[in-house]
């Protein structure tokens, strides 16, 4: 798996998406090499079976290589009754709006469903206009929270799908 490309996509998507929402100095300090290392380590833990369940998927464009990635696993929420979670879903800014996010979300839901997860949720920065993508994909608004991030409070919204099998059969 191309962790260097994942690190680059992670940083460039964050810088484009979260400008004006997250402290500018934090975004400017994001380093693709650091994120590549973090993703390489996470994928290594996954392959070695050192995580309860986790999956990283990469989406490639013909003749371009990786242009997006996503990860999913067991929910981290202690309060919402959903067993799976979309942890990340990033499409490089140059490739957004072409249906790749939808394709990646379907693949992540297929992974969760194949692993026995019945439901899933995702947490999204509330000010992120991409959150409407999750609404368009049938996500039900579940909860809100505010957590500190890079020294600033950041409001987040959870979207959920309570029947992955049903959702997948409707979207295929």
N, C-alpha and C. Protein backbone atom coordinates (compact mmCIF):
# COMPACT_ATOMS: atom_id res chain seq x y z
N UNK A 1 0.86 -1.17 0.00
CA UNK A 1 0.00 0.00 0.00
C UNK A 1 0.90 1.23 0.00
N UNK A 2 0.54 2.23 -0.75
CA UNK A 2 1.35 3.42 -0.94
C UNK A 2 1.12 4.43 0.18
N UNK A 3 1.84 4.25 1.29
CA UNK A 3 1.63 5.14 2.44
C UNK A 3 2.12 6.56 2.14
N UNK A 4 3.08 6.72 1.24
CA UNK A 4 3.52 8.08 0.88
C UNK A 4 2.38 8.85 0.21
N UNK A 5 1.67 8.19 -0.70
CA UNK A 5 0.53 8.83 -1.37
C UNK A 5 -0.58 9.11 -0.36
N UNK A 6 -0.83 8.17 0.56
CA UNK A 6 -1.85 8.38 1.57
C UNK A 6 -1.50 9.59 2.44
N UNK A 7 -0.24 9.71 2.83
CA UNK A 7 0.20 10.86 3.63
C UNK A 7 0.00 12.17 2.89
N UNK A 8 0.32 12.19 1.61
CA UNK A 8 0.15 13.40 0.79
C UNK A 8 -1.33 13.75 0.65
N UNK A 9 -2.16 12.76 0.35
CA UNK A 9 -3.60 13.00 0.20
C UNK A 9 -4.18 13.49 1.52
N UNK A 10 -3.78 12.87 2.63
CA UNK A 10 -4.27 13.25 3.95
C UNK A 10 -4.01 14.75 4.19
N UNK A 11 -2.77 15.17 3.99
CA UNK A 11 -2.39 16.56 4.26
C UNK A 11 -3.09 17.52 3.30
N UNK A 12 -3.06 17.23 2.02
CA UNK A 12 -3.65 18.16 1.04
C UNK A 12 -5.17 18.26 1.20
N UNK A 13 -5.82 17.15 1.53
CA UNK A 13 -7.27 17.19 1.77
C UNK A 13 -7.58 18.01 3.02
N UNK A 14 -6.81 17.81 4.08
CA UNK A 14 -7.03 18.59 5.31
C UNK A 14 -6.82 20.07 5.04
N UNK A 15 -5.73 20.43 4.38
CA UNK A 15 -5.44 21.84 4.15
C UNK A 15 -6.51 22.51 3.30
N UNK A 16 -7.05 21.79 2.32
CA UNK A 16 -8.09 22.35 1.47
C UNK A 16 -9.45 22.39 2.19
N UNK A 17 -9.77 21.33 2.90
CA UNK A 17 -11.09 21.20 3.51
C UNK A 17 -11.24 22.04 4.77
N UNK A 18 -10.23 22.03 5.63
CA UNK A 18 -10.38 22.62 6.95
C UNK A 18 -9.85 24.04 7.08
N UNK A 19 -9.45 24.66 5.98
CA UNK A 19 -9.03 26.07 6.03
C UNK A 19 -10.19 26.90 6.57
N UNK A 20 -9.92 27.70 7.58
CA UNK A 20 -10.95 28.52 8.19
C UNK A 20 -11.73 27.82 9.28
N UNK A 21 -11.52 26.51 9.44
CA UNK A 21 -12.24 25.75 10.47
C UNK A 21 -11.31 25.32 11.59
N UNK A 22 -10.05 25.10 11.24
CA UNK A 22 -9.04 24.64 12.18
C UNK A 22 -7.90 25.65 12.16
N UNK A 23 -7.27 25.80 13.28
CA UNK A 23 -6.19 26.78 13.46
C UNK A 23 -5.21 26.73 12.28
N UNK A 24 -5.00 27.86 11.59
CA UNK A 24 -4.18 27.87 10.37
C UNK A 24 -2.74 27.37 10.59
N UNK A 25 -2.14 27.67 11.73
CA UNK A 25 -0.79 27.21 12.00
C UNK A 25 -0.70 25.69 12.03
N UNK A 26 -1.72 25.05 12.58
CA UNK A 26 -1.75 23.58 12.62
C UNK A 26 -1.76 23.03 11.19
N UNK A 27 -2.63 23.58 10.36
CA UNK A 27 -2.72 23.10 8.97
C UNK A 27 -1.40 23.33 8.22
N UNK A 28 -0.76 24.47 8.46
CA UNK A 28 0.50 24.77 7.77
C UNK A 28 1.61 23.82 8.19
N UNK A 29 1.55 23.33 9.42
CA UNK A 29 2.60 22.43 9.93
C UNK A 29 2.39 20.97 9.55
N UNK A 30 1.26 20.63 8.96
CA UNK A 30 1.03 19.24 8.57
C UNK A 30 2.11 18.80 7.59
N UNK A 31 2.65 17.63 7.84
CA UNK A 31 3.75 17.12 7.03
C UNK A 31 3.36 15.79 6.39
N UNK A 32 3.37 15.72 5.05
CA UNK A 32 3.01 14.46 4.40
C UNK A 32 3.89 13.28 4.83
N UNK A 33 5.17 13.52 5.08
CA UNK A 33 6.06 12.43 5.51
C UNK A 33 5.68 11.88 6.87
N UNK A 34 5.31 12.76 7.78
CA UNK A 34 4.87 12.33 9.10
C UNK A 34 3.60 11.50 9.00
N UNK A 35 2.65 11.97 8.18
CA UNK A 35 1.41 11.22 8.02
C UNK A 35 1.64 9.92 7.27
N UNK A 36 2.57 9.89 6.33
CA UNK A 36 2.90 8.63 5.63
C UNK A 36 3.41 7.61 6.64
N UNK A 37 4.27 8.06 7.55
CA UNK A 37 4.79 7.15 8.58
C UNK A 37 3.66 6.64 9.47
N UNK A 38 2.77 7.54 9.89
CA UNK A 38 1.65 7.13 10.74
C UNK A 38 0.78 6.11 10.03
N UNK A 39 0.49 6.33 8.74
CA UNK A 39 -0.34 5.40 8.00
C UNK A 39 0.39 4.08 7.75
N UNK A 40 1.68 4.13 7.49
CA UNK A 40 2.47 2.91 7.30
C UNK A 40 2.42 2.06 8.56
N UNK A 41 2.57 2.71 9.73
CA UNK A 41 2.51 2.00 11.01
C UNK A 41 1.12 1.42 11.26
N UNK A 42 0.08 2.20 10.96
CA UNK A 42 -1.30 1.73 11.17
C UNK A 42 -1.60 0.52 10.28
N UNK A 43 -1.16 0.59 9.05
CA UNK A 43 -1.37 -0.53 8.12
C UNK A 43 -0.57 -1.75 8.57
N UNK A 44 0.64 -1.52 9.08
CA UNK A 44 1.46 -2.62 9.60
C UNK A 44 0.79 -3.29 10.79
N UNK A 45 0.22 -2.51 11.70
CA UNK A 45 -0.50 -3.08 12.85
C UNK A 45 -1.70 -3.88 12.38
N UNK A 46 -2.39 -3.35 11.37
CA UNK A 46 -3.56 -4.05 10.81
C UNK A 46 -3.13 -5.39 10.23
N UNK A 47 -2.08 -5.39 9.42
CA UNK A 47 -1.62 -6.63 8.78
C UNK A 47 -1.12 -7.65 9.79
N UNK A 48 -0.55 -7.16 10.88
CA UNK A 48 -0.02 -8.06 11.91
C UNK A 48 -1.11 -8.54 12.87
N UNK A 49 -2.34 -8.06 12.68
CA UNK A 49 -3.43 -8.48 13.54
C UNK A 49 -3.38 -7.86 14.92
N UNK A 50 -2.73 -6.70 15.04
CA UNK A 50 -2.60 -6.06 16.35
C UNK A 50 -3.69 -5.01 16.60
N UNK A 51 -4.74 -5.03 15.80
CA UNK A 51 -5.90 -4.17 16.04
C UNK A 51 -7.12 -5.07 16.08
N UNK A 52 -8.14 -4.66 16.85
CA UNK A 52 -9.37 -5.47 16.96
C UNK A 52 -10.00 -5.67 15.60
N UNK A 53 -10.13 -4.62 14.85
CA UNK A 53 -10.54 -4.71 13.46
C UNK A 53 -10.28 -3.35 12.85
N UNK A 54 -9.69 -3.33 11.71
CA UNK A 54 -9.45 -2.09 11.00
C UNK A 54 -9.10 -2.39 9.57
N UNK A 55 -9.47 -1.50 8.70
CA UNK A 55 -9.19 -1.69 7.29
C UNK A 55 -8.91 -0.34 6.66
N UNK A 56 -7.88 -0.27 5.83
CA UNK A 56 -7.57 0.92 5.06
C UNK A 56 -7.74 0.56 3.60
N UNK A 57 -8.51 1.37 2.88
CA UNK A 57 -8.72 1.17 1.45
C UNK A 57 -8.22 2.39 0.69
N UNK A 58 -7.64 2.16 -0.47
CA UNK A 58 -7.14 3.24 -1.32
C UNK A 58 -7.90 3.18 -2.64
N UNK A 59 -8.27 4.35 -3.14
CA UNK A 59 -8.92 4.42 -4.44
C UNK A 59 -7.95 5.09 -5.42
N UNK A 60 -7.80 4.48 -6.59
CA UNK A 60 -6.86 4.97 -7.59
C UNK A 60 -7.61 5.42 -8.84
N UNK A 61 -7.04 6.41 -9.50
CA UNK A 61 -7.55 6.85 -10.80
C UNK A 61 -6.65 6.24 -11.88
N UNK A 62 -7.23 5.88 -13.01
CA UNK A 62 -6.40 5.30 -14.08
C UNK A 62 -5.22 6.21 -14.44
N UNK A 63 -4.05 5.63 -14.51
CA UNK A 63 -2.81 6.34 -14.87
C UNK A 63 -2.42 7.44 -13.89
N UNK A 64 -3.06 7.48 -12.70
CA UNK A 64 -2.76 8.53 -11.72
C UNK A 64 -2.28 7.97 -10.38
N UNK A 65 -2.59 6.73 -10.10
CA UNK A 65 -2.27 6.16 -8.79
C UNK A 65 -3.30 6.59 -7.77
N UNK A 66 -2.94 6.53 -6.49
CA UNK A 66 -3.89 6.85 -5.42
C UNK A 66 -4.37 8.30 -5.46
N UNK A 67 -5.69 8.47 -5.34
CA UNK A 67 -6.28 9.81 -5.29
C UNK A 67 -7.20 9.96 -4.07
N UNK A 68 -7.35 8.90 -3.30
CA UNK A 68 -8.17 8.96 -2.10
C UNK A 68 -7.97 7.72 -1.26
N UNK A 69 -8.43 7.81 -0.02
CA UNK A 69 -8.33 6.65 0.87
C UNK A 69 -9.37 6.79 1.97
N UNK A 70 -9.64 5.69 2.60
CA UNK A 70 -10.55 5.68 3.73
C UNK A 70 -10.18 4.55 4.67
N UNK A 71 -10.65 4.67 5.89
CA UNK A 71 -10.41 3.61 6.86
C UNK A 71 -11.69 3.38 7.66
N UNK A 72 -11.84 2.16 8.12
CA UNK A 72 -13.01 1.81 8.90
C UNK A 72 -12.60 0.79 9.96
N UNK A 73 -13.45 0.63 10.93
CA UNK A 73 -13.17 -0.33 11.99
C UNK A 73 -14.30 -0.38 12.99
N UNK A 74 -13.99 -0.98 14.12
CA UNK A 74 -14.95 -1.06 15.22
C UNK A 74 -15.17 0.36 15.75
N UNK A 75 -16.41 0.69 16.10
CA UNK A 75 -16.70 2.05 16.56
C UNK A 75 -15.88 2.41 17.79
N UNK A 76 -15.51 3.67 17.84
CA UNK A 76 -14.80 4.20 19.02
C UNK A 76 -15.78 4.83 19.99
N UNK A 77 -17.05 4.96 19.58
CA UNK A 77 -18.07 5.61 20.40
C UNK A 77 -18.50 4.69 21.54
N UNK A 78 -18.53 5.26 22.71
CA UNK A 78 -19.01 4.52 23.87
C UNK A 78 -20.49 4.78 24.14
N UNK A 79 -21.06 5.77 23.42
CA UNK A 79 -22.42 6.19 23.75
C UNK A 79 -23.44 5.92 22.66
N UNK A 80 -23.01 5.71 21.43
CA UNK A 80 -23.96 5.50 20.34
C UNK A 80 -24.00 4.01 19.99
N UNK A 81 -25.20 3.47 19.75
CA UNK A 81 -25.34 2.02 19.53
C UNK A 81 -25.03 1.57 18.09
N UNK A 82 -23.87 1.92 17.60
CA UNK A 82 -23.43 1.52 16.26
C UNK A 82 -22.14 0.74 16.42
N UNK A 83 -21.99 -0.37 15.71
CA UNK A 83 -20.82 -1.21 15.94
C UNK A 83 -19.64 -0.92 15.02
N UNK A 84 -19.86 -0.33 13.86
CA UNK A 84 -18.77 0.01 12.94
C UNK A 84 -18.62 1.51 12.80
N UNK A 85 -17.46 1.92 12.29
CA UNK A 85 -17.20 3.35 12.12
C UNK A 85 -16.36 3.60 10.88
N UNK A 86 -16.74 4.61 10.13
CA UNK A 86 -15.88 5.14 9.07
C UNK A 86 -14.98 6.14 9.79
N UNK A 87 -13.71 5.82 9.88
CA UNK A 87 -12.78 6.66 10.63
C UNK A 87 -12.23 7.79 9.78
N UNK A 88 -11.94 7.50 8.51
CA UNK A 88 -11.45 8.52 7.59
C UNK A 88 -12.03 8.26 6.20
N UNK A 89 -12.20 9.32 5.45
CA UNK A 89 -12.55 9.22 4.04
C UNK A 89 -12.08 10.52 3.40
N UNK A 90 -10.98 10.45 2.68
CA UNK A 90 -10.39 11.64 2.06
C UNK A 90 -10.16 11.39 0.58
N UNK A 91 -10.65 12.32 -0.23
CA UNK A 91 -10.39 12.33 -1.66
C UNK A 91 -9.54 13.58 -1.93
N UNK A 92 -8.47 13.42 -2.70
CA UNK A 92 -7.63 14.58 -3.03
C UNK A 92 -8.51 15.67 -3.62
N UNK A 93 -8.28 16.93 -3.25
CA UNK A 93 -9.13 18.03 -3.74
C UNK A 93 -9.29 18.07 -5.26
N UNK A 94 -8.27 17.71 -6.01
CA UNK A 94 -8.37 17.72 -7.48
C UNK A 94 -9.32 16.66 -8.01
N UNK A 95 -9.69 15.68 -7.18
CA UNK A 95 -10.51 14.56 -7.63
C UNK A 95 -11.90 14.53 -6.98
N UNK A 96 -12.21 15.53 -6.18
CA UNK A 96 -13.51 15.56 -5.53
C UNK A 96 -14.61 15.88 -6.54
N UNK A 97 -15.83 15.44 -6.24
CA UNK A 97 -16.97 15.73 -7.09
C UNK A 97 -17.10 14.81 -8.29
N UNK A 98 -16.35 13.70 -8.30
CA UNK A 98 -16.38 12.79 -9.43
C UNK A 98 -16.94 11.41 -9.07
N UNK A 99 -17.55 11.30 -7.90
CA UNK A 99 -18.15 10.04 -7.50
C UNK A 99 -17.22 9.10 -6.76
N UNK A 100 -15.96 9.52 -6.55
CA UNK A 100 -15.00 8.63 -5.88
C UNK A 100 -15.31 8.47 -4.40
N UNK A 101 -15.81 9.52 -3.77
CA UNK A 101 -16.19 9.42 -2.36
C UNK A 101 -17.30 8.41 -2.16
N UNK A 102 -18.29 8.44 -3.04
CA UNK A 102 -19.39 7.47 -2.98
C UNK A 102 -18.86 6.06 -3.17
N UNK A 103 -17.98 5.88 -4.16
CA UNK A 103 -17.40 4.56 -4.43
C UNK A 103 -16.62 4.05 -3.22
N UNK A 104 -15.87 4.94 -2.59
CA UNK A 104 -15.07 4.56 -1.43
C UNK A 104 -15.96 4.25 -0.23
N UNK A 105 -16.99 5.06 -0.01
CA UNK A 105 -17.90 4.79 1.12
C UNK A 105 -18.58 3.44 0.96
N UNK A 106 -19.02 3.12 -0.25
CA UNK A 106 -19.64 1.81 -0.50
C UNK A 106 -18.64 0.70 -0.18
N UNK A 107 -17.40 0.85 -0.63
CA UNK A 107 -16.37 -0.18 -0.37
C UNK A 107 -16.10 -0.32 1.12
N UNK A 108 -16.07 0.79 1.85
CA UNK A 108 -15.85 0.72 3.30
C UNK A 108 -17.03 0.03 3.99
N UNK A 109 -18.25 0.35 3.58
CA UNK A 109 -19.42 -0.33 4.14
C UNK A 109 -19.40 -1.81 3.80
N UNK A 110 -18.97 -2.18 2.60
CA UNK A 110 -18.86 -3.59 2.24
C UNK A 110 -17.86 -4.30 3.14
N UNK A 111 -16.74 -3.66 3.43
CA UNK A 111 -15.74 -4.24 4.33
C UNK A 111 -16.32 -4.46 5.72
N UNK A 112 -17.01 -3.44 6.24
CA UNK A 112 -17.61 -3.57 7.57
C UNK A 112 -18.65 -4.68 7.59
N UNK A 113 -19.50 -4.71 6.58
CA UNK A 113 -20.55 -5.72 6.51
C UNK A 113 -19.95 -7.12 6.42
N UNK A 114 -18.92 -7.29 5.59
CA UNK A 114 -18.28 -8.60 5.44
C UNK A 114 -17.65 -9.06 6.74
N UNK A 115 -17.24 -8.11 7.59
CA UNK A 115 -16.64 -8.45 8.88
C UNK A 115 -17.69 -8.67 9.97
N UNK A 116 -18.97 -8.57 9.61
CA UNK A 116 -20.03 -8.84 10.57
C UNK A 116 -20.61 -7.63 11.26
N UNK A 117 -20.20 -6.43 10.86
CA UNK A 117 -20.77 -5.22 11.47
C UNK A 117 -22.13 -4.96 10.84
N UNK A 118 -23.10 -4.63 11.65
CA UNK A 118 -24.46 -4.41 11.19
C UNK A 118 -24.78 -2.95 10.92
N UNK A 119 -24.05 -2.06 11.59
CA UNK A 119 -24.33 -0.63 11.49
C UNK A 119 -23.01 0.14 11.49
N UNK A 120 -23.08 1.42 11.12
CA UNK A 120 -21.86 2.23 11.11
C UNK A 120 -22.20 3.70 11.32
N UNK A 121 -21.21 4.42 11.79
CA UNK A 121 -21.34 5.86 11.95
C UNK A 121 -20.06 6.53 11.48
N UNK A 122 -20.14 7.84 11.34
CA UNK A 122 -18.98 8.66 11.00
C UNK A 122 -19.13 9.99 11.73
N UNK A 123 -18.03 10.50 12.25
CA UNK A 123 -18.00 11.83 12.86
C UNK A 123 -17.39 12.79 11.85
N UNK A 124 -18.03 13.95 11.67
CA UNK A 124 -17.62 14.94 10.68
C UNK A 124 -17.57 16.31 11.36
N UNK A 125 -16.57 17.12 11.01
CA UNK A 125 -16.52 18.49 11.49
C UNK A 125 -17.80 19.19 11.01
N UNK A 126 -18.53 19.80 11.93
CA UNK A 126 -19.84 20.37 11.62
C UNK A 126 -19.77 21.45 10.55
N UNK A 127 -18.70 22.23 10.52
CA UNK A 127 -18.57 23.30 9.54
C UNK A 127 -18.10 22.81 8.17
N UNK A 128 -17.77 21.54 8.06
CA UNK A 128 -17.28 20.97 6.81
C UNK A 128 -18.44 20.78 5.84
N UNK A 129 -18.43 21.46 4.70
CA UNK A 129 -19.53 21.29 3.75
C UNK A 129 -19.63 19.86 3.21
N UNK A 130 -18.58 19.09 3.32
CA UNK A 130 -18.63 17.70 2.87
C UNK A 130 -19.55 16.85 3.72
N UNK A 131 -19.97 17.37 4.87
CA UNK A 131 -20.88 16.59 5.71
C UNK A 131 -22.20 16.33 5.00
N UNK A 132 -22.56 17.21 4.07
CA UNK A 132 -23.80 17.01 3.32
C UNK A 132 -23.70 15.78 2.41
N UNK A 133 -22.49 15.38 2.07
CA UNK A 133 -22.27 14.14 1.32
C UNK A 133 -22.84 12.97 2.10
N UNK A 134 -22.58 12.93 3.40
CA UNK A 134 -23.07 11.82 4.23
C UNK A 134 -24.60 11.84 4.33
N UNK A 135 -25.18 13.03 4.36
CA UNK A 135 -26.64 13.12 4.35
C UNK A 135 -27.18 12.59 3.02
N UNK A 136 -26.55 12.98 1.91
CA UNK A 136 -26.98 12.50 0.59
C UNK A 136 -26.82 10.99 0.46
N UNK A 137 -25.89 10.43 1.21
CA UNK A 137 -25.66 8.99 1.18
C UNK A 137 -26.54 8.25 2.18
N UNK A 138 -27.53 8.95 2.74
CA UNK A 138 -28.51 8.29 3.61
C UNK A 138 -28.16 8.28 5.08
N UNK A 139 -27.09 8.97 5.46
CA UNK A 139 -26.73 9.01 6.87
C UNK A 139 -27.74 9.81 7.69
N UNK A 140 -28.13 9.25 8.81
CA UNK A 140 -29.05 9.92 9.72
C UNK A 140 -28.25 10.69 10.76
N UNK A 141 -28.58 11.95 10.94
CA UNK A 141 -27.89 12.77 11.94
C UNK A 141 -28.20 12.21 13.32
N UNK A 142 -27.13 11.84 14.05
CA UNK A 142 -27.30 11.14 15.33
C UNK A 142 -26.99 11.98 16.55
N UNK A 143 -25.91 12.73 16.49
CA UNK A 143 -25.43 13.40 17.69
C UNK A 143 -24.48 14.53 17.31
N UNK A 144 -24.20 15.36 18.29
CA UNK A 144 -23.24 16.45 18.13
C UNK A 144 -22.33 16.45 19.35
N UNK A 145 -21.10 16.92 19.15
CA UNK A 145 -20.19 17.09 20.27
C UNK A 145 -19.18 18.16 19.88
N UNK A 146 -18.55 18.72 20.87
CA UNK A 146 -17.46 19.67 20.65
C UNK A 146 -16.26 19.16 21.41
N UNK A 147 -15.15 19.06 20.71
CA UNK A 147 -13.91 18.59 21.32
C UNK A 147 -12.78 19.54 20.98
N UNK A 148 -11.81 19.69 21.88
CA UNK A 148 -10.67 20.54 21.56
C UNK A 148 -9.79 19.88 20.49
N UNK A 149 -9.33 20.69 19.56
CA UNK A 149 -8.44 20.22 18.51
C UNK A 149 -7.50 21.35 18.14
N UNK A 150 -6.22 21.09 18.22
CA UNK A 150 -5.20 22.10 17.90
C UNK A 150 -5.45 23.40 18.67
N UNK A 151 -5.89 23.25 19.91
CA UNK A 151 -6.08 24.41 20.77
C UNK A 151 -7.39 25.14 20.59
N UNK A 152 -8.28 24.63 19.76
CA UNK A 152 -9.57 25.29 19.51
C UNK A 152 -10.70 24.28 19.66
N UNK A 153 -11.87 24.74 20.13
CA UNK A 153 -13.01 23.83 20.17
C UNK A 153 -13.53 23.59 18.75
N UNK A 154 -13.78 22.34 18.42
CA UNK A 154 -14.27 21.99 17.09
C UNK A 154 -15.57 21.20 17.25
N UNK A 155 -16.65 21.74 16.67
CA UNK A 155 -17.95 21.06 16.71
C UNK A 155 -17.97 19.94 15.67
N UNK A 156 -18.53 18.80 16.08
CA UNK A 156 -18.62 17.65 15.19
C UNK A 156 -20.05 17.12 15.20
N UNK A 157 -20.40 16.46 14.10
CA UNK A 157 -21.71 15.85 13.93
C UNK A 157 -21.50 14.39 13.58
N UNK A 158 -22.31 13.51 14.17
CA UNK A 158 -22.27 12.09 13.83
C UNK A 158 -23.42 11.77 12.89
N UNK A 159 -23.11 10.98 11.87
CA UNK A 159 -24.13 10.43 10.97
C UNK A 159 -24.07 8.92 11.09
N UNK A 160 -25.23 8.28 10.99
CA UNK A 160 -25.25 6.84 11.16
C UNK A 160 -26.12 6.13 10.15
N UNK A 161 -25.78 4.88 9.94
CA UNK A 161 -26.52 3.95 9.10
C UNK A 161 -26.78 2.72 9.96
N UNK A 162 -28.05 2.45 10.29
CA UNK A 162 -28.34 1.38 11.24
C UNK A 162 -28.53 0.02 10.58
N UNK A 163 -28.49 -0.04 9.24
CA UNK A 163 -28.68 -1.31 8.55
C UNK A 163 -27.76 -1.34 7.33
N UNK A 164 -26.51 -1.76 7.53
CA UNK A 164 -25.56 -1.76 6.42
C UNK A 164 -25.98 -2.69 5.29
N UNK A 165 -26.49 -3.86 5.62
CA UNK A 165 -26.90 -4.81 4.58
C UNK A 165 -28.01 -4.20 3.73
N UNK A 166 -29.00 -3.62 4.36
CA UNK A 166 -30.09 -2.97 3.63
C UNK A 166 -29.60 -1.80 2.80
N UNK A 167 -28.73 -0.99 3.38
CA UNK A 167 -28.19 0.16 2.65
C UNK A 167 -27.42 -0.30 1.44
N UNK A 168 -26.57 -1.31 1.62
CA UNK A 168 -25.77 -1.81 0.48
C UNK A 168 -26.64 -2.38 -0.62
N UNK A 169 -27.69 -3.10 -0.26
CA UNK A 169 -28.56 -3.68 -1.30
C UNK A 169 -29.30 -2.57 -2.05
N UNK A 170 -29.62 -1.47 -1.39
CA UNK A 170 -30.29 -0.36 -2.05
C UNK A 170 -29.35 0.43 -2.96
N UNK A 171 -28.07 0.48 -2.63
CA UNK A 171 -27.11 1.29 -3.39
C UNK A 171 -26.40 0.53 -4.50
N UNK A 172 -26.56 -0.78 -4.56
CA UNK A 172 -25.88 -1.57 -5.60
C UNK A 172 -26.63 -1.49 -6.89
